[in-house]
Amino acid sequence: MALRKIIAGLLCTLFAACAPVPLRTSGLPVPPLPPLSPPPNSDTVQPAATGNMSLSGALLPSGAIGIGSADAPHVLMVFTHPSSRYGAEFQRRHLPRLVRDVLSSGAVRLELAILPMRKYPESALVAAVLACGASEGRALLFLEAVTDDVPSTVKEAEALARSKGANAKEFRACLDGPGKDAATKQAALAAQLGVTLIPTFVLDEERRVGLMSEGELVGWISSQLSWAR
């Protein structure tokens, strides 16, 4: 019998042929694991009112799209483009945190403009679509839509607008009127400031070019505001 136990032990060690030994417990129920927290980049922008401008966005006389309080003492100008890899990443990952952590405080207003580029011939159309969405107070909704599916034709833009509940006839009139005008103004503003790269950030008079991490962007804004005090 002793020899059999020795042989069985050797087989168990060499070939892992033994059944697992159950763990001893105290007999008390084991508490369930707590639910996982959502990742930091999974924020969903919830439209809210701040001052006399909505966080959903509004079309400004300058042609840019304003997001945040119109009374904010500081302005963050962002030149971007959803067709750009870096612009799309800014819009998907960075913008929700800006809205949540920065714009909602009322200290900073975001003014967003599309930077027209030759390799993106749909630039003017995209700018017009966003301007028309902003004129309805739904800039963030349309920005998310064009980032997911950039329209390259007027028909695609109209289809996108219909999918968001816009009146097709009115939206088309906006594209040919206020939207087109806003796209022209945004291009002129970029040329005036000498902006050539996506994304470009201009906070008051300070400028940063290129996509920063979310933390770095918020940290840069915070440091600039502290210097301005």
Foldseek 3Di string as FASTA:
>chain_A
DVVVVVVVVVCCVPPVPDDDDDDDDPPDDDDDDDDDDDDLQPDDADWDDAAPAIQLWAQDPLLWIKHAHPPAPKEKEKEAALVDPLRLCCLRGQVSCCVVPPRNVSNYMYTYFYADDPVQVCRLVLQLLLNLCNNVSRNSVSVVQCSVPPDRDVVVSLVSCVVVPHDSVVSSVSSVPVSNVSNVSRNVVCVVVVPDAPIWIQMPHDIDGDDDPNVVVVVVVVVVVVVVD
